[in-house]
C-alpha atoms as a PDB file:
ATOM      1  CA  MET A   1      -9.850  21.130  40.988  1.00  0.00           C
ATOM      2  CA  GLN A   2     -10.713  23.905  38.583  1.00  0.00           C
ATOM      3  CA  THR A   3      -7.877  22.848  36.268  1.00  0.00           C
ATOM      4  CA  ILE A   4      -9.023  19.236  36.274  1.00  0.00           C
ATOM      5  CA  HIS A   5     -12.609  20.272  35.623  1.00  0.00           C
ATOM      6  CA  SER A   6     -11.590  22.382  32.605  1.00  0.00           C
ATOM      7  CA  LEU A   7     -10.002  19.348  30.963  1.00  0.00           C
ATOM      8  CA  ALA A   8     -13.072  17.187  31.315  1.00  0.00           C
ATOM      9  CA  LEU A   9     -14.975  16.456  28.124  1.00  0.00           C
ATOM     10  CA  PRO A  10     -18.725  17.138  28.096  1.00  0.00           C
ATOM     11  CA  LYS A  11     -20.908  14.053  28.061  1.00  0.00           C
ATOM     12  CA  ALA A  12     -22.337  15.060  24.671  1.00  0.00           C
ATOM     13  CA  THR A  13     -18.850  15.106  23.184  1.00  0.00           C
ATOM     14  CA  LEU A  14     -18.046  11.659  24.526  1.00  0.00           C
ATOM     15  CA  LEU A  15     -21.289  10.244  23.165  1.00  0.00           C
ATOM     16  CA  ALA A  16     -21.124  12.027  19.789  1.00  0.00           C
ATOM     17  CA  PRO A  17     -19.134   9.328  17.923  1.00  0.00           C
ATOM     18  CA  MET A  18     -21.493   6.638  19.256  1.00  0.00           C
ATOM     19  CA  ASN A  19     -24.566   8.612  18.253  1.00  0.00           C
ATOM     20  CA  ALA A  20     -23.078   9.337  14.857  1.00  0.00           C
ATOM     21  CA  LYS A  21     -22.302   5.665  14.291  1.00  0.00           C
ATOM     22  CA  SER A  22     -25.841   4.690  15.197  1.00  0.00           C
ATOM     23  CA  GLN A  23     -27.107   7.132  12.562  1.00  0.00           C
ATOM     24  CA  GLY A  24     -24.708   5.804   9.934  1.00  0.00           C
ATOM     25  CA  LYS A  25     -22.558   8.953   9.923  1.00  0.00           C
ATOM     26  CA  VAL A  26     -18.899   9.673  10.481  1.00  0.00           C
ATOM     27  CA  LEU A  27     -18.298  12.938  12.288  1.00  0.00           C
ATOM     28  CA  ALA A  28     -15.293  15.092  11.529  1.00  0.00           C
ATOM     29  CA  THR A  29     -13.865  14.070  14.888  1.00  0.00           C
ATOM     30  CA  SER A  30     -15.064  10.483  15.011  1.00  0.00           C
ATOM     31  CA  GLY A  31     -12.789   8.290  17.061  1.00  0.00           C
ATOM     32  CA  THR A  32      -9.389   7.035  16.048  1.00  0.00           C
ATOM     33  CA  SER A  33     -10.486   3.423  16.543  1.00  0.00           C
ATOM     34  CA  LYS A  34     -12.367   3.534  13.237  1.00  0.00           C
ATOM     35  CA  TYR A  35      -9.441   5.112  11.414  1.00  0.00           C
ATOM     36  CA  ASP A  36      -6.533   2.886  12.307  1.00  0.00           C
ATOM     37  CA  LEU A  37      -3.539   1.574  10.361  1.00  0.00           C
ATOM     38  CA  THR A  38      -5.760  -0.797   8.399  1.00  0.00           C
ATOM     39  CA  TYR A  39      -7.888   2.118   7.191  1.00  0.00           C
ATOM     40  CA  TYR A  40      -4.848   4.114   6.105  1.00  0.00           C
ATOM     41  CA  LEU A  41      -3.398   1.123   4.256  1.00  0.00           C
ATOM     42  CA  LYS A  42      -6.694   0.630   2.447  1.00  0.00           C
ATOM     43  CA  GLY A  43      -6.684   4.319   1.504  1.00  0.00           C
ATOM     44  CA  ALA A  44      -3.095   4.083   0.278  1.00  0.00           C
ATOM     45  CA  LEU A  45      -3.853   0.953  -1.763  1.00  0.00           C
ATOM     46  CA  ALA A  46      -6.921   2.585  -3.302  1.00  0.00           C
ATOM     47  CA  GLY A  47      -4.833   5.656  -4.119  1.00  0.00           C
ATOM     48  CA  GLY A  48      -2.078   3.614  -5.749  1.00  0.00           C
ATOM     49  CA  ILE A  49      -4.534   1.642  -7.855  1.00  0.00           C
ATOM     50  CA  CYS A  50      -6.571   4.644  -8.989  1.00  0.00           C
ATOM     51  CA  CYS A  51      -3.511   6.714  -9.917  1.00  0.00           C
ATOM     52  CA  SER A  52      -1.650   3.960 -11.771  1.00  0.00           C
ATOM     53  CA  ILE A  53      -4.718   2.938 -13.790  1.00  0.00           C
ATOM     54  CA  THR A  54      -5.766   6.460 -14.756  1.00  0.00           C
ATOM     55  CA  HIS A  55      -2.281   7.756 -15.566  1.00  0.00           C
ATOM     56  CA  GLY A  56      -1.457   4.552 -17.453  1.00  0.00           C
ATOM     57  CA  ALA A  57      -4.659   4.742 -19.496  1.00  0.00           C
ATOM     58  CA  LEU A  58      -3.915   8.346 -20.436  1.00  0.00           C
ATOM     59  CA  THR A  59      -0.314   7.711 -21.463  1.00  0.00           C
ATOM     60  CA  PRO A  60      -1.096   8.456 -25.169  1.00  0.00           C
ATOM     61  CA  VAL A  61      -2.555  11.859 -24.239  1.00  0.00           C
ATOM     62  CA  ASP A  62       0.436  12.573 -22.003  1.00  0.00           C
ATOM     63  CA  VAL A  63       2.854  11.654 -24.800  1.00  0.00           C
ATOM     64  CA  VAL A  64       1.216  14.124 -27.180  1.00  0.00           C
ATOM     65  CA  LYS A  65       0.957  16.830 -24.495  1.00  0.00           C
ATOM     66  CA  THR A  66       4.633  16.436 -23.617  1.00  0.00           C
ATOM     67  CA  ARG A  67       5.673  16.584 -27.287  1.00  0.00           C
ATOM     68  CA  ILE A  68       3.645  19.787 -27.757  1.00  0.00           C
ATOM     69  CA  GLN A  69       5.358  21.326 -24.710  1.00  0.00           C
ATOM     70  CA  LEU A  70       8.854  20.231 -25.734  1.00  0.00           C
ATOM     71  CA  ASP A  71       8.616  20.979 -29.448  1.00  0.00           C
ATOM     72  CA  PRO A  72       5.702  23.346 -30.195  1.00  0.00           C
ATOM     73  CA  VAL A  73       7.182  24.248 -33.594  1.00  0.00           C
ATOM     74  CA  THR A  74       6.881  20.675 -34.866  1.00  0.00           C
ATOM     75  CA  TYR A  75       3.790  19.672 -32.905  1.00  0.00           C
ATOM     76  CA  ASN A  76       1.657  22.677 -33.768  1.00  0.00           C
ATOM     77  CA  LYS A  77      -1.574  21.023 -34.917  1.00  0.00           C
ATOM     78  CA  GLY A  78      -3.340  20.600 -31.590  1.00  0.00           C
ATOM     79  CA  LEU A  79      -4.149  17.453 -29.658  1.00  0.00           C
ATOM     80  CA  ILE A  80      -5.745  15.427 -32.488  1.00  0.00           C
ATOM     81  CA  GLY A  81      -3.097  16.538 -34.951  1.00  0.00           C
ATOM     82  CA  GLY A  82      -0.427  15.584 -32.430  1.00  0.00           C
ATOM     83  CA  PHE A  83      -1.783  12.048 -32.260  1.00  0.00           C
ATOM     84  CA  ARG A  84      -1.561  11.789 -36.037  1.00  0.00           C
ATOM     85  CA  GLN A  85       1.987  13.153 -36.078  1.00  0.00           C
ATOM     86  CA  VAL A  86       3.254  10.695 -33.444  1.00  0.00           C
ATOM     87  CA  ILE A  87       1.582   7.724 -35.179  1.00  0.00           C
ATOM     88  CA  ALA A  88       2.953   8.797 -38.563  1.00  0.00           C
ATOM     89  CA  ALA A  89       6.495   9.104 -37.214  1.00  0.00           C
ATOM     90  CA  GLU A  90       6.669   6.203 -34.759  1.00  0.00           C
ATOM     91  CA  GLY A  91       3.607   4.024 -35.241  1.00  0.00           C
ATOM     92  CA  THR A  92       0.877   3.444 -32.691  1.00  0.00           C
ATOM     93  CA  GLY A  93       3.449   2.098 -30.235  1.00  0.00           C
ATOM     94  CA  GLY A  94       4.881   5.598 -29.969  1.00  0.00           C
ATOM     95  CA  LEU A  95       1.774   6.644 -28.057  1.00  0.00           C
ATOM     96  CA  LEU A  96       2.718   4.218 -25.260  1.00  0.00           C
ATOM     97  CA  THR A  97       6.226   5.595 -24.769  1.00  0.00           C
ATOM     98  CA  GLY A  98       6.945   5.849 -21.036  1.00  0.00           C
ATOM     99  CA  LEU A  99       4.086   3.549 -19.995  1.00  0.00           C
ATOM    100  CA  GLY A 100       6.270   1.594 -17.538  1.00  0.00           C
ATOM    101  CA  PRO A 101       7.540   4.583 -15.528  1.00  0.00           C
ATOM    102  CA  THR A 102       4.054   6.059 -15.598  1.00  0.00           C
ATOM    103  CA  VAL A 103       2.309   3.015 -14.106  1.00  0.00           C
ATOM    104  CA  VAL A 104       4.989   2.320 -11.475  1.00  0.00           C
ATOM    105  CA  GLY A 105       5.633   5.956 -10.598  1.00  0.00           C
ATOM    106  CA  TYR A 106       2.017   6.906 -10.161  1.00  0.00           C
ATOM    107  CA  PHE A 107       1.161   3.811  -8.150  1.00  0.00           C
ATOM    108  CA  ILE A 108       3.822   4.869  -5.654  1.00  0.00           C
ATOM    109  CA  GLN A 109       2.739   8.503  -5.815  1.00  0.00           C
ATOM    110  CA  GLY A 110      -0.940   7.619  -5.418  1.00  0.00           C
ATOM    111  CA  TRP A 111      -0.129   5.375  -2.458  1.00  0.00           C
ATOM    112  CA  PHE A 112       1.488   8.243  -0.544  1.00  0.00           C
ATOM    113  CA  LYS A 113      -0.807  10.993  -1.868  1.00  0.00           C
ATOM    114  CA  PHE A 114      -4.260   9.539  -1.232  1.00  0.00           C
ATOM    115  CA  GLY A 115      -3.144   7.578   1.817  1.00  0.00           C
ATOM    116  CA  GLY A 116      -1.366  10.652   3.155  1.00  0.00           C
ATOM    117  CA  VAL A 117      -4.326  12.952   2.629  1.00  0.00           C
ATOM    118  CA  GLU A 118      -6.584  10.556   4.530  1.00  0.00           C
ATOM    119  CA  PHE A 119      -4.026  10.293   7.326  1.00  0.00           C
ATOM    120  CA  PHE A 120      -3.308  13.997   7.693  1.00  0.00           C
ATOM    121  CA  LYS A 121      -6.889  15.249   7.498  1.00  0.00           C
ATOM    122  CA  ILE A 122      -8.031  12.743  10.135  1.00  0.00           C
ATOM    123  CA  GLN A 123      -5.137  13.757  12.392  1.00  0.00           C
ATOM    124  CA  PHE A 124      -6.079  17.414  11.981  1.00  0.00           C
ATOM    125  CA  ALA A 125      -9.733  16.638  12.691  1.00  0.00           C
ATOM    126  CA  THR A 126      -8.875  14.658  15.795  1.00  0.00           C
ATOM    127  CA  ALA A 127      -6.577  17.390  17.122  1.00  0.00           C
ATOM    128  CA  LEU A 128      -8.852  20.358  16.365  1.00  0.00           C
ATOM    129  CA  GLY A 129     -12.189  19.029  17.523  1.00  0.00           C
ATOM    130  CA  GLU A 130     -15.546  19.053  15.800  1.00  0.00           C
ATOM    131  CA  GLU A 131     -16.288  22.801  15.676  1.00  0.00           C
ATOM    132  CA  LYS A 132     -12.832  23.957  14.538  1.00  0.00           C
ATOM    133  CA  THR A 133     -12.570  21.119  12.047  1.00  0.00           C
ATOM    134  CA  TRP A 134     -15.793  22.142  10.331  1.00  0.00           C
ATOM    135  CA  ASP A 135     -14.794  25.825  10.326  1.00  0.00           C
ATOM    136  CA  ASN A 136     -11.378  25.021   8.822  1.00  0.00           C
ATOM    137  CA  LYS A 137     -12.149  22.077   6.551  1.00  0.00           C
ATOM    138  CA  THR A 138     -10.819  23.815   3.413  1.00  0.00           C
ATOM    139  CA  SER A 139      -7.563  24.662   5.184  1.00  0.00           C
ATOM    140  CA  ILE A 140      -7.345  21.050   6.362  1.00  0.00           C
ATOM    141  CA  TYR A 141      -7.775  19.818   2.787  1.00  0.00           C
ATOM    142  CA  LEU A 142      -5.080  22.206   1.574  1.00  0.00           C
ATOM    143  CA  ALA A 143      -2.552  21.426   4.303  1.00  0.00           C
ATOM    144  CA  SER A 144      -3.128  17.664   4.150  1.00  0.00           C
ATOM    145  CA  ALA A 145      -2.761  17.629   0.371  1.00  0.00           C
ATOM    146  CA  ALA A 146       0.439  19.705   0.458  1.00  0.00           C
ATOM    147  CA  MET A 147       2.143  17.480   3.033  1.00  0.00           C
ATOM    148  CA  ALA A 148       1.078  14.239   1.388  1.00  0.00           C
ATOM    149  CA  GLU A 149       2.167  15.428  -2.052  1.00  0.00           C
ATOM    150  CA  PHE A 150       5.604  16.533  -0.852  1.00  0.00           C
ATOM    151  CA  ILE A 151       6.282  13.037   0.474  1.00  0.00           C
ATOM    152  CA  ALA A 152       4.866  11.410  -2.673  1.00  0.00           C
ATOM    153  CA  ASP A 153       7.014  13.551  -4.987  1.00  0.00           C
ATOM    154  CA  ILE A 154      10.254  12.335  -3.411  1.00  0.00           C
ATOM    155  CA  PHE A 155       9.406   8.905  -4.813  1.00  0.00           C
ATOM    156  CA  LEU A 156       7.761  10.110  -8.039  1.00  0.00           C
ATOM    157  CA  CYS A 157      10.511  12.438  -9.283  1.00  0.00           C
ATOM    158  CA  PRO A 158      13.032   9.809 -10.524  1.00  0.00           C
ATOM    159  CA  LEU A 159      10.320   7.931 -12.397  1.00  0.00           C
ATOM    160  CA  GLU A 160       8.897  11.115 -13.917  1.00  0.00           C
ATOM    161  CA  ALA A 161      12.374  12.178 -15.043  1.00  0.00           C
ATOM    162  CA  THR A 162      12.824   8.800 -16.728  1.00  0.00           C
ATOM    163  CA  ARG A 163       9.404   9.020 -18.382  1.00  0.00           C
ATOM    164  CA  ILE A 164      10.041  12.490 -19.802  1.00  0.00           C
ATOM    165  CA  ARG A 165      13.443  11.469 -21.152  1.00  0.00           C
ATOM    166  CA  LEU A 166      11.896   8.430 -22.867  1.00  0.00           C
ATOM    167  CA  VAL A 167       9.137  10.580 -24.393  1.00  0.00           C
ATOM    168  CA  SER A 168      11.482  13.347 -25.536  1.00  0.00           C
ATOM    169  CA  GLU A 169      14.061  10.848 -26.866  1.00  0.00           C
ATOM    170  CA  PRO A 170      12.251   7.656 -27.966  1.00  0.00           C
ATOM    171  CA  THR A 171      15.579   5.940 -28.750  1.00  0.00           C
ATOM    172  CA  PHE A 172      17.081   6.732 -25.320  1.00  0.00           C
ATOM    173  CA  ALA A 173      16.289   3.299 -23.859  1.00  0.00           C
ATOM    174  CA  ASN A 174      13.837   0.436 -23.909  1.00  0.00           C
ATOM    175  CA  GLY A 175      11.551   0.822 -20.915  1.00  0.00           C
ATOM    176  CA  LEU A 176      11.798   1.911 -17.306  1.00  0.00           C
ATOM    177  CA  ALA A 177      14.770  -0.143 -16.110  1.00  0.00           C
ATOM    178  CA  GLY A 178      16.975   0.683 -19.089  1.00  0.00           C
ATOM    179  CA  GLY A 179      16.034   4.360 -19.046  1.00  0.00           C
ATOM    180  CA  ALA A 180      16.663   4.775 -15.314  1.00  0.00           C
ATOM    181  CA  LYS A 181      19.993   2.917 -15.515  1.00  0.00           C
ATOM    182  CA  ARG A 182      21.287   5.028 -18.410  1.00  0.00           C
ATOM    183  CA  LEU A 183      20.065   8.282 -16.878  1.00  0.00           C
ATOM    184  CA  MET A 184      21.858   7.556 -13.605  1.00  0.00           C
ATOM    185  CA  ALA A 185      25.029   6.440 -15.390  1.00  0.00           C
ATOM    186  CA  GLU A 186      25.228   9.534 -17.603  1.00  0.00           C
ATOM    187  CA  GLU A 187      24.026  12.263 -15.244  1.00  0.00           C
ATOM    188  CA  GLY A 188      24.092  10.882 -11.707  1.00  0.00           C
ATOM    189  CA  ILE A 189      21.308  10.613  -9.186  1.00  0.00           C
ATOM    190  CA  ILE A 190      20.825  14.309  -8.389  1.00  0.00           C
ATOM    191  CA  LYS A 191      21.011  15.813 -11.885  1.00  0.00           C
ATOM    192  CA  GLY A 192      19.523  12.807 -13.626  1.00  0.00           C
ATOM    193  CA  PHE A 193      16.627  12.070 -11.299  1.00  0.00           C
ATOM    194  CA  TYR A 194      16.079  15.234  -9.276  1.00  0.00           C
ATOM    195  CA  SER A 195      16.710  18.136 -11.667  1.00  0.00           C
ATOM    196  CA  GLY A 196      12.960  18.421 -11.889  1.00  0.00           C
ATOM    197  CA  PHE A 197      12.273  18.161  -8.153  1.00  0.00           C
ATOM    198  CA  GLY A 198      11.695  21.902  -7.783  1.00  0.00           C
ATOM    199  CA  PRO A 199       9.345  22.098 -10.767  1.00  0.00           C
ATOM    200  CA  ILE A 200       7.546  18.913  -9.762  1.00  0.00           C
ATOM    201  CA  LEU A 201       6.861  20.405  -6.329  1.00  0.00           C
ATOM    202  CA  LEU A 202       5.725  23.671  -7.936  1.00  0.00           C
ATOM    203  CA  LYS A 203       3.445  21.678 -10.218  1.00  0.00           C
ATOM    204  CA  GLN A 204       2.200  18.868  -8.021  1.00  0.00           C
ATOM    205  CA  ILE A 205       1.667  20.625  -4.689  1.00  0.00           C
ATOM    206  CA  PRO A 206      -0.622  23.413  -6.018  1.00  0.00           C
ATOM    207  CA  TYR A 207      -2.268  20.837  -8.288  1.00  0.00           C
ATOM    208  CA  THR A 208      -2.974  18.433  -5.439  1.00  0.00           C
ATOM    209  CA  MET A 209      -4.094  21.188  -3.075  1.00  0.00           C
ATOM    210  CA  ALA A 210      -6.594  22.437  -5.651  1.00  0.00           C
ATOM    211  CA  LYS A 211      -7.584  18.905  -6.601  1.00  0.00           C
ATOM    212  CA  PHE A 212      -8.611  17.790  -3.118  1.00  0.00           C
ATOM    213  CA  ALA A 213     -10.006  21.115  -1.872  1.00  0.00           C
ATOM    214  CA  VAL A 214     -12.090  21.760  -5.007  1.00  0.00           C
ATOM    215  CA  GLN A 215     -13.271  18.153  -5.244  1.00  0.00           C
ATOM    216  CA  GLY A 216     -14.268  18.079  -1.586  1.00  0.00           C
ATOM    217  CA  ASP A 217     -16.212  21.327  -1.870  1.00  0.00           C
ATOM    218  CA  ALA A 218     -17.810  20.389  -5.201  1.00  0.00           C
ATOM    219  CA  ALA A 219     -18.870  16.969  -3.901  1.00  0.00           C
ATOM    220  CA  GLU A 220     -20.457  18.524  -0.811  1.00  0.00           C
ATOM    221  CA  ARG A 221     -22.317  21.075  -2.933  1.00  0.00           C
ATOM    222  CA  ILE A 222     -23.578  18.440  -5.378  1.00  0.00           C
ATOM    223  CA  ALA A 223     -24.721  16.211  -2.516  1.00  0.00           C
ATOM    224  CA  GLY A 224     -26.272  19.221  -0.770  1.00  0.00           C
ATOM    225  CA  SER A 225     -28.258  20.098  -3.897  1.00  0.00           C
ATOM    226  CA  MET A 226     -29.863  16.665  -3.529  1.00  0.00           C
ATOM    227  CA  GLY A 227     -30.605  17.294   0.144  1.00  0.00           C
ATOM    228  CA  LYS A 228     -28.033  14.749   1.344  1.00  0.00           C
ATOM    229  CA  GLU A 229     -24.657  14.517   3.029  1.00  0.00           C
ATOM    230  CA  LEU A 230     -21.783  12.710   1.327  1.00  0.00           C
ATOM    231  CA  SER A 231     -21.876   9.851   3.828  1.00  0.00           C
ATOM    232  CA  GLU A 232     -25.517   9.199   2.912  1.00  0.00           C
ATOM    233  CA  LEU A 233     -24.843   8.639  -0.790  1.00  0.00           C
ATOM    234  CA  LYS A 234     -24.867   5.090  -2.094  1.00  0.00           C
ATOM    235  CA  GLY A 235     -24.351   3.163  -5.324  1.00  0.00           C
ATOM    236  CA  ALA A 236     -24.543   4.941  -8.656  1.00  0.00           C
ATOM    237  CA  THR A 237     -25.412   8.285  -7.035  1.00  0.00           C
ATOM    238  CA  LYS A 238     -22.257   8.201  -4.943  1.00  0.00           C
ATOM    239  CA  LEU A 239     -20.094   7.326  -7.953  1.00  0.00           C
ATOM    240  CA  GLY A 240     -21.790   9.991 -10.070  1.00  0.00           C
ATOM    241  CA  VAL A 241     -20.949  12.647  -7.490  1.00  0.00           C
ATOM    242  CA  SER A 242     -17.338  11.413  -7.377  1.00  0.00           C
ATOM    243  CA  LEU A 243     -17.129  11.603 -11.164  1.00  0.00           C
ATOM    244  CA  GLY A 244     -18.728  15.047 -11.524  1.00  0.00           C
ATOM    245  CA  SER A 245     -16.770  16.655  -8.702  1.00  0.00           C
ATOM    246  CA  GLY A 246     -13.592  15.057 -10.050  1.00  0.00           C
ATOM    247  CA  VAL A 247     -14.019  16.689 -13.464  1.00  0.00           C
ATOM    248  CA  ILE A 248     -14.480  20.119 -11.865  1.00  0.00           C
ATOM    249  CA  ALA A 249     -11.444  19.614  -9.613  1.00  0.00           C
ATOM    250  CA  GLY A 250      -9.299  18.292 -12.451  1.00  0.00           C
ATOM    251  CA  VAL A 251      -9.845  21.252 -14.760  1.00  0.00           C
ATOM    252  CA  ALA A 252      -9.196  23.746 -11.939  1.00  0.00           C
ATOM    253  CA  ALA A 253      -6.047  21.897 -10.866  1.00  0.00           C
ATOM    254  CA  ALA A 254      -4.783  21.624 -14.460  1.00  0.00           C
ATOM    255  CA  ILE A 255      -5.001  25.376 -15.042  1.00  0.00           C
ATOM    256  CA  ILE A 256      -3.279  26.204 -11.753  1.00  0.00           C
ATOM    257  CA  SER A 257      -0.385  23.777 -12.244  1.00  0.00           C
ATOM    258  CA  HIS A 258       0.176  24.090 -16.001  1.00  0.00           C
ATOM    259  CA  PRO A 259       3.099  26.592 -16.034  1.00  0.00           C
ATOM    260  CA  ALA A 260       5.130  24.378 -13.699  1.00  0.00           C
ATOM    261  CA  ASP A 261       4.183  21.313 -15.755  1.00  0.00           C
ATOM    262  CA  THR A 262       5.633  22.968 -18.866  1.00  0.00           C
ATOM    263  CA  LEU A 263       8.840  23.837 -17.005  1.00  0.00           C
ATOM    264  CA  LEU A 264       9.120  20.272 -15.725  1.00  0.00           C
ATOM    265  CA  SER A 265       8.807  18.877 -19.238  1.00  0.00           C
ATOM    266  CA  LYS A 266      11.445  21.298 -20.514  1.00  0.00           C
ATOM    267  CA  VAL A 267      14.025  20.932 -17.726  1.00  0.00           C
ATOM    268  CA  ASN A 268      14.150  17.137 -18.078  1.00  0.00           C
ATOM    269  CA  LYS A 269      15.033  17.430 -21.761  1.00  0.00           C
ATOM    270  CA  ALA A 270      18.754  16.934 -22.382  1.00  0.00           C
ATOM    271  CA  GLY A 271      20.672  20.241 -22.363  1.00  0.00           C
ATOM    272  CA  ALA A 272      17.614  22.347 -21.527  1.00  0.00           C
ATOM    273  CA  GLY A 273      18.469  25.648 -19.833  1.00  0.00           C
ATOM    274  CA  GLY A 274      22.213  25.260 -20.313  1.00  0.00           C
ATOM    275  CA  GLU A 275      24.627  24.908 -17.421  1.00  0.00           C
ATOM    276  CA  GLY A 276      24.234  26.043 -13.823  1.00  0.00           C
ATOM    277  CA  SER A 277      21.941  25.313 -10.912  1.00  0.00           C
ATOM    278  CA  ILE A 278      18.426  24.035 -11.386  1.00  0.00           C
ATOM    279  CA  PHE A 279      16.954  27.451 -10.601  1.00  0.00           C
ATOM    280  CA  THR A 280      19.284  29.148 -13.091  1.00  0.00           C
ATOM    281  CA  ARG A 281      18.233  26.683 -15.771  1.00  0.00           C
ATOM    282  CA  LEU A 282      14.558  27.147 -14.931  1.00  0.00           C
ATOM    283  CA  GLY A 283      14.935  30.911 -15.146  1.00  0.00           C
ATOM    284  CA  ARG A 284      16.490  30.666 -18.610  1.00  0.00           C
ATOM    285  CA  ILE A 285      13.785  28.282 -19.825  1.00  0.00           C
ATOM    286  CA  ALA A 286      10.985  30.510 -18.494  1.00  0.00           C
ATOM    287  CA  GLY A 287      12.570  33.559 -20.113  1.00  0.00           C
ATOM    288  CA  GLU A 288      12.892  31.814 -23.469  1.00  0.00           C
ATOM    289  CA  ILE A 289       9.299  30.598 -23.479  1.00  0.00           C
ATOM    290  CA  GLY A 290       7.580  33.715 -22.129  1.00  0.00           C
ATOM    291  CA  PHE A 291       4.795  33.948 -19.561  1.00  0.00           C
ATOM    292  CA  MET A 292       1.809  33.557 -21.894  1.00  0.00           C
ATOM    293  CA  LYS A 293       3.187  30.507 -23.676  1.00  0.00           C
ATOM    294  CA  LEU A 294       4.221  29.022 -20.353  1.00  0.00           C
ATOM    295  CA  CYS A 295       0.597  29.225 -19.221  1.00  0.00           C
ATOM    296  CA  THR A 296      -1.141  28.249 -22.460  1.00  0.00           C
ATOM    297  CA  VAL A 297       0.979  25.929 -24.637  1.00  0.00           C
ATOM    298  CA  GLY A 298      -0.503  22.452 -24.298  1.00  0.00           C
ATOM    299  CA  LEU A 299      -3.172  23.660 -21.849  1.00  0.00           C
ATOM    300  CA  GLY A 300      -6.083  22.254 -23.849  1.00  0.00           C
ATOM    301  CA  ALA A 301      -4.570  18.785 -23.930  1.00  0.00           C
ATOM    302  CA  ARG A 302      -3.693  19.028 -20.247  1.00  0.00           C
ATOM    303  CA  CYS A 303      -7.258  20.061 -19.256  1.00  0.00           C
ATOM    304  CA  VAL A 304      -8.660  17.092 -21.189  1.00  0.00           C
ATOM    305  CA  MET A 305      -6.113  14.781 -19.635  1.00  0.00           C
ATOM    306  CA  ILE A 306      -6.297  16.038 -16.039  1.00  0.00           C
ATOM    307  CA  GLY A 307     -10.067  16.515 -16.042  1.00  0.00           C
ATOM    308  CA  THR A 308     -10.578  12.936 -17.188  1.00  0.00           C
ATOM    309  CA  LEU A 309      -7.807  11.575 -15.000  1.00  0.00           C
ATOM    310  CA  THR A 310      -8.980  13.282 -11.802  1.00  0.00           C
ATOM    311  CA  ALA A 311     -12.592  12.227 -12.312  1.00  0.00           C
ATOM    312  CA  GLY A 312     -11.442   8.655 -12.857  1.00  0.00           C
ATOM    313  CA  GLN A 313      -9.216   8.741  -9.785  1.00  0.00           C
ATOM    314  CA  PHE A 314     -11.931   9.808  -7.362  1.00  0.00           C
ATOM    315  CA  LEU A 315     -14.344   7.323  -8.937  1.00  0.00           C
ATOM    316  CA  LEU A 316     -11.900   4.409  -8.654  1.00  0.00           C
ATOM    317  CA  PHE A 317     -10.786   5.477  -5.180  1.00  0.00           C
ATOM    318  CA  ASP A 318     -14.352   5.225  -3.892  1.00  0.00           C
ATOM    319  CA  VAL A 319     -14.874   1.897  -5.685  1.00  0.00           C
ATOM    320  CA  VAL A 320     -11.732   0.333  -4.193  1.00  0.00           C
ATOM    321  CA  MET A 321     -12.515   1.714  -0.735  1.00  0.00           C
ATOM    322  CA  ASP A 322     -15.969   0.122  -0.940  1.00  0.00           C
ATOM    323  CA  VAL A 323     -14.488  -3.187  -2.126  1.00  0.00           C
ATOM    324  CA  THR A 324     -12.063  -3.247   0.814  1.00  0.00           C
ATOM    325  CA  GLY A 325     -14.893  -2.448   3.237  1.00  0.00           C
ATOM    326  CA  ALA A 326     -13.469   0.904   4.318  1.00  0.00           C
ATOM    327  CA  GLU A 327     -15.982   3.598   5.278  1.00  0.00           C
ATOM    328  CA  LYS A 328     -14.501   6.775   3.838  1.00  0.00           C
ATOM    329  CA  PHE A 329     -13.890   9.725   6.143  1.00  0.00           C
ATOM    330  CA  HIS A 330     -16.132  12.766   5.522  1.00  0.00           C
ATOM    331  CA  PHE A 331     -16.475  16.138   7.181  1.00  0.00           C
ATOM    332  CA  HIS A 332     -19.836  16.787   8.831  1.00  0.00           C
ATOM    333  CA  ALA A 333     -21.443  19.902  10.194  1.00  0.00           C
ATOM    334  CA  PRO A 334     -21.603  19.788  14.015  1.00  0.00           C
ATOM    335  CA  ALA A 335     -25.063  19.261  15.481  1.00  0.00           C
ATOM    336  CA  SER A 336     -25.049  22.868  16.696  1.00  0.00           C
ATOM    337  CA  ARG A 337     -24.791  24.120  13.078  1.00  0.00           C
ATOM    338  CA  LYS A 338     -27.680  22.085  11.710  1.00  0.00           C
END
């Protein structure tokens, strides 16, 4: 009987989700009935929409950033100067090079990334219980983001490889379908589409971990400075917090992931790093560039791009979630900690 008694849940625990719902809150361990397949699909849809729109809108910035990384000798006049150089050489249309792969690739990536983060963090919260969830919320953000991003990158990598080839060689093909077809025909699936899988993981996983953990913490702190919890925010205030915390998260994530982003841009350029395995090629590229340049070349443009992009993503994610009627999951301090 002792064993059976030890497995029994206290009455307060059983009633907690009901009490929380009556107060308009979602506890860290609120029941799975609220967060079902429909919720995860809404989160995935919101993620796909916010990522495709923001990455697509920033394609011109990404084109210039990639050119600076690939050819810093030619594109040595900074972000604004880079815009002028691309327009002078290719016309304004040159700034939209790779738009197709960007929109499609990042819709798919956003679907799995944002949807995955929502799924994994709720599963962790449900398994750990209220107290442990609150104590380990940063670790939950980090682990959820890493797992979701790994899955997302399997689908993103071929499209990113195609985009980079189109940007580095504007005459390579006309659009996504033509670029992907030629890349596969000339280099095969593994070398053509997945040469950058290692770098994309090294770039995207730390980036996404920092992005979600920093944004979550920053949003809680901003809301706390107003004497509120995130679930209590409404309307313009809620969107303002999403925007502000997104900027902070984006800049932090951009700095952390920039060296791998430079390597990814380089390794997808034809002939980069010579022959050999992907890691051998990456080692040669890193040695040729040098540590300081790896960390700093194109960083200004990337901070502008990622700061803006991340802020826009969290803003649009919340907007789409509201439109679909989904009540976003938030961590809450247990009653015993208040």
